[in-house]
Structure formats: C-alpha cells, structure tokens
C-alpha atoms as a PDB file:
ATOM      1  CA  MET A   1     173.003 164.391  21.109  1.00  0.00           C
ATOM      2  CA  GLY A   2     172.410 161.998  24.135  1.00  0.00           C
ATOM      3  CA  ASN A   3     175.147 159.457  25.129  1.00  0.00           C
ATOM      4  CA  TYR A   4     173.574 156.640  23.302  1.00  0.00           C
ATOM      5  CA  GLU A   5     173.220 158.354  19.905  1.00  0.00           C
ATOM      6  CA  GLN A   6     176.818 159.574  20.566  1.00  0.00           C
ATOM      7  CA  ALA A   7     177.828 155.741  21.288  1.00  0.00           C
ATOM      8  CA  LEU A   8     175.914 154.489  18.133  1.00  0.00           C
ATOM      9  CA  SER A   9     177.508 156.920  16.407  1.00  0.00           C
ATOM     10  CA  PHE A  10     181.176 156.065  17.253  1.00  0.00           C
ATOM     11  CA  HIS A  11     180.124 152.493  16.605  1.00  0.00           C
ATOM     12  CA  ARG A  12     178.994 153.051  13.216  1.00  0.00           C
ATOM     13  CA  LYS A  13     182.073 154.881  12.739  1.00  0.00           C
ATOM     14  CA  ALA A  14     184.259 151.734  14.076  1.00  0.00           C
ATOM     15  CA  LEU A  15     182.247 149.454  11.774  1.00  0.00           C
ATOM     16  CA  ASN A  16     182.897 151.605   8.660  1.00  0.00           C
ATOM     17  CA  ILE A  17     186.725 151.602   9.445  1.00  0.00           C
ATOM     18  CA  GLN A  18     186.838 147.973  10.229  1.00  0.00           C
ATOM     19  CA  GLU A  19     185.235 147.270   7.161  1.00  0.00           C
ATOM     20  CA  ASN A  20     187.104 149.167   4.751  1.00  0.00           C
ATOM     21  CA  VAL A  21     190.518 147.884   6.355  1.00  0.00           C
ATOM     22  CA  GLN A  22     189.069 144.307   6.114  1.00  0.00           C
ATOM     23  CA  CYS A  23     189.583 143.589  10.015  1.00  0.00           C
ATOM     24  CA  ASN A  24     189.714 140.363  11.757  1.00  0.00           C
ATOM     25  CA  PRO A  25     185.836 139.148  11.686  1.00  0.00           C
ATOM     26  CA  LEU A  26     185.714 138.700  15.544  1.00  0.00           C
ATOM     27  CA  GLU A  27     186.745 142.662  15.918  1.00  0.00           C
ATOM     28  CA  CYS A  28     183.935 143.601  13.294  1.00  0.00           C
ATOM     29  CA  ALA A  29     181.378 141.025  15.289  1.00  0.00           C
ATOM     30  CA  THR A  30     182.515 142.870  18.478  1.00  0.00           C
ATOM     31  CA  THR A  31     181.361 146.297  16.901  1.00  0.00           C
ATOM     32  CA  TYR A  32     178.030 144.442  15.631  1.00  0.00           C
ATOM     33  CA  ILE A  33     177.379 143.430  19.222  1.00  0.00           C
ATOM     34  CA  ASN A  34     177.871 146.781  20.335  1.00  0.00           C
ATOM     35  CA  LEU A  35     175.571 148.385  18.035  1.00  0.00           C
ATOM     36  CA  GLY A  36     173.311 145.898  18.838  1.00  0.00           C
ATOM     37  CA  GLU A  37     173.179 146.595  22.489  1.00  0.00           C
ATOM     38  CA  ASN A  38     173.657 150.227  22.218  1.00  0.00           C
ATOM     39  CA  SER A  39     169.831 149.731  19.764  1.00  0.00           C
ATOM     40  CA  ARG A  40     168.535 148.158  22.455  1.00  0.00           C
ATOM     41  CA  GLU A  41     169.053 150.647  25.122  1.00  0.00           C
ATOM     42  CA  MET A  42     167.215 153.312  23.119  1.00  0.00           C
ATOM     43  CA  LYS A  43     164.747 150.881  22.079  1.00  0.00           C
ATOM     44  CA  ASP A  44     164.972 150.313  18.542  1.00  0.00           C
ATOM     45  CA  TYR A  45     164.450 146.496  19.244  1.00  0.00           C
ATOM     46  CA  SER A  46     164.527 145.233  16.016  1.00  0.00           C
ATOM     47  CA  THR A  47     168.132 146.958  14.815  1.00  0.00           C
ATOM     48  CA  ALA A  48     169.005 145.719  17.802  1.00  0.00           C
ATOM     49  CA  LEU A  49     168.025 142.095  16.654  1.00  0.00           C
ATOM     50  CA  THR A  50     169.773 142.107  13.303  1.00  0.00           C
ATOM     51  CA  TYR A  51     173.091 143.525  14.850  1.00  0.00           C
ATOM     52  CA  PHE A  52     173.176 140.492  17.491  1.00  0.00           C
ATOM     53  CA  ARG A  53     172.664 138.242  14.476  1.00  0.00           C
ATOM     54  CA  LYS A  54     175.300 139.517  12.231  1.00  0.00           C
ATOM     55  CA  GLY A  55     177.768 139.413  15.737  1.00  0.00           C
ATOM     56  CA  LEU A  56     176.865 136.027  16.015  1.00  0.00           C
ATOM     57  CA  GLU A  57     176.889 134.493  12.813  1.00  0.00           C
ATOM     58  CA  ILE A  58     180.283 136.024  12.452  1.00  0.00           C
ATOM     59  CA  ARG A  59     181.263 134.241  15.977  1.00  0.00           C
ATOM     60  CA  GLU A  60     179.345 131.007  15.128  1.00  0.00           C
ATOM     61  CA  LYS A  61     181.988 130.694  11.955  1.00  0.00           C
ATOM     62  CA  LYS A  62     184.783 131.181  13.787  1.00  0.00           C
ATOM     63  CA  LEU A  63     185.019 130.093  17.029  1.00  0.00           C
ATOM     64  CA  PRO A  64     183.805 126.765  18.584  1.00  0.00           C
ATOM     65  CA  LYS A  65     180.170 125.982  19.639  1.00  0.00           C
ATOM     66  CA  ASN A  66     180.769 125.787  23.142  1.00  0.00           C
ATOM     67  CA  HIS A  67     183.312 129.466  23.130  1.00  0.00           C
ATOM     68  CA  PRO A  68     182.264 131.647  26.130  1.00  0.00           C
ATOM     69  CA  ASP A  69     182.091 134.899  23.148  1.00  0.00           C
ATOM     70  CA  LEU A  70     178.916 132.991  22.581  1.00  0.00           C
ATOM     71  CA  ALA A  71     177.235 133.299  25.573  1.00  0.00           C
ATOM     72  CA  VAL A  72     177.737 136.585  25.956  1.00  0.00           C
ATOM     73  CA  VAL A  73     175.672 136.796  22.377  1.00  0.00           C
ATOM     74  CA  TYR A  74     173.059 134.890  23.558  1.00  0.00           C
ATOM     75  CA  HIS A  75     173.067 136.801  27.069  1.00  0.00           C
ATOM     76  CA  TYR A  76     171.904 140.143  25.437  1.00  0.00           C
ATOM     77  CA  MET A  77     169.773 138.503  22.904  1.00  0.00           C
ATOM     78  CA  VAL A  78     168.167 137.357  26.622  1.00  0.00           C
ATOM     79  CA  LYS A  79     168.071 141.142  27.168  1.00  0.00           C
ATOM     80  CA  LEU A  80     166.356 142.090  23.902  1.00  0.00           C
ATOM     81  CA  TYR A  81     163.540 139.030  23.790  1.00  0.00           C
ATOM     82  CA  LEU A  82     162.721 139.736  27.712  1.00  0.00           C
ATOM     83  CA  SER A  83     162.311 143.991  26.244  1.00  0.00           C
ATOM     84  CA  THR A  84     159.996 142.778  23.580  1.00  0.00           C
ATOM     85  CA  ARG A  85     157.954 139.962  25.831  1.00  0.00           C
ATOM     86  CA  GLN A  86     159.573 137.445  23.328  1.00  0.00           C
ATOM     87  CA  TYR A  87     160.096 134.812  26.711  1.00  0.00           C
ATOM     88  CA  TYR A  88     160.046 131.518  24.660  1.00  0.00           C
ATOM     89  CA  MET A  89     162.964 133.015  22.292  1.00  0.00           C
ATOM     90  CA  ALA A  90     164.549 134.105  25.869  1.00  0.00           C
ATOM     91  CA  MET A  91     164.198 130.656  27.527  1.00  0.00           C
ATOM     92  CA  LYS A  92     165.620 129.165  24.337  1.00  0.00           C
ATOM     93  CA  ASN A  93     169.001 131.946  24.418  1.00  0.00           C
ATOM     94  CA  ILE A  94     169.335 131.504  28.309  1.00  0.00           C
ATOM     95  CA  GLN A  95     169.580 128.094  27.536  1.00  0.00           C
ATOM     96  CA  GLN A  96     172.114 127.991  24.998  1.00  0.00           C
ATOM     97  CA  ALA A  97     173.995 130.480  27.412  1.00  0.00           C
ATOM     98  CA  ILE A  98     173.938 128.504  30.532  1.00  0.00           C
ATOM     99  CA  LYS A  99     175.056 125.320  28.654  1.00  0.00           C
ATOM    100  CA  ILE A 100     178.270 127.091  27.620  1.00  0.00           C
ATOM    101  CA  ALA A 101     178.806 128.268  31.070  1.00  0.00           C
ATOM    102  CA  GLN A 102     178.332 124.997  32.571  1.00  0.00           C
ATOM    103  CA  GLU A 103     181.095 123.423  30.047  1.00  0.00           C
ATOM    104  CA  LYS A 104     183.434 126.199  30.253  1.00  0.00           C
ATOM    105  CA  LEU A 105     182.975 127.772  33.669  1.00  0.00           C
ATOM    106  CA  PRO A 106     184.032 126.256  37.737  1.00  0.00           C
ATOM    107  CA  SER A 107     180.640 125.012  39.361  1.00  0.00           C
ATOM    108  CA  THR A 108     181.396 127.555  41.535  1.00  0.00           C
ATOM    109  CA  HIS A 109     181.648 130.560  38.909  1.00  0.00           C
ATOM    110  CA  SER A 110     179.303 133.794  40.128  1.00  0.00           C
ATOM    111  CA  HIS A 111     178.040 133.344  36.484  1.00  0.00           C
ATOM    112  CA  LEU A 112     176.472 130.551  37.253  1.00  0.00           C
END
C-alpha cells in the first residue's frame, strides 16, 4: 500500500470514528477536507470534489463567511480545478479565498 492509499485509509477510519461519536462538526469537516486533498493527490478528482464540498458545507454552516478556514478549502478546490483544467471554477474559488485573505490578513502577509 502506497503512502496516499495508507493516508486515505487512516482518514476514512478517523471519519468513521468521528461520525460514530458525534464529534464536533468542524473536526469532521477537517477530515473531509483531508480526504479531499488526499483523493486529489491520487487523481481521483470526482471523489476529491465530493469531500471538499462536504467539508466546505459544514464550515459554511458553522463559521463566519470571512473565516480563514473557508479560504483554506477554496484554495484546495483551486488546486483541484486547475488539475482538471476547469479554469473558470478555479478563478471563482481563488477570488473567494483572496477576498477572505484581504479582509483577515495584514497587507504584508506572505499569503497575499
């Protein structure tokens, strides 16, 4: 089993545990996002998008609209859309991430 497959297995086990003990939804969102990024790395783009959307949906319900954790998901989705050559969707997501970063980070921050 390769590193990505092993990581995917561990993330799935973590999600199973989190769902069974009814953990903090934001912790489940992080696991979904980790599963999404791992799936993207394995070039399983449709699965990655499904996980990213689940994580984003949870975070959008639980966090303010300009929370930096939302920008993180948008950034991951940009990477996904660039991998699949969906440039319009990549641009849409990067604009959302930039908007949050401009509101939350100092103008000299390296992420800007």
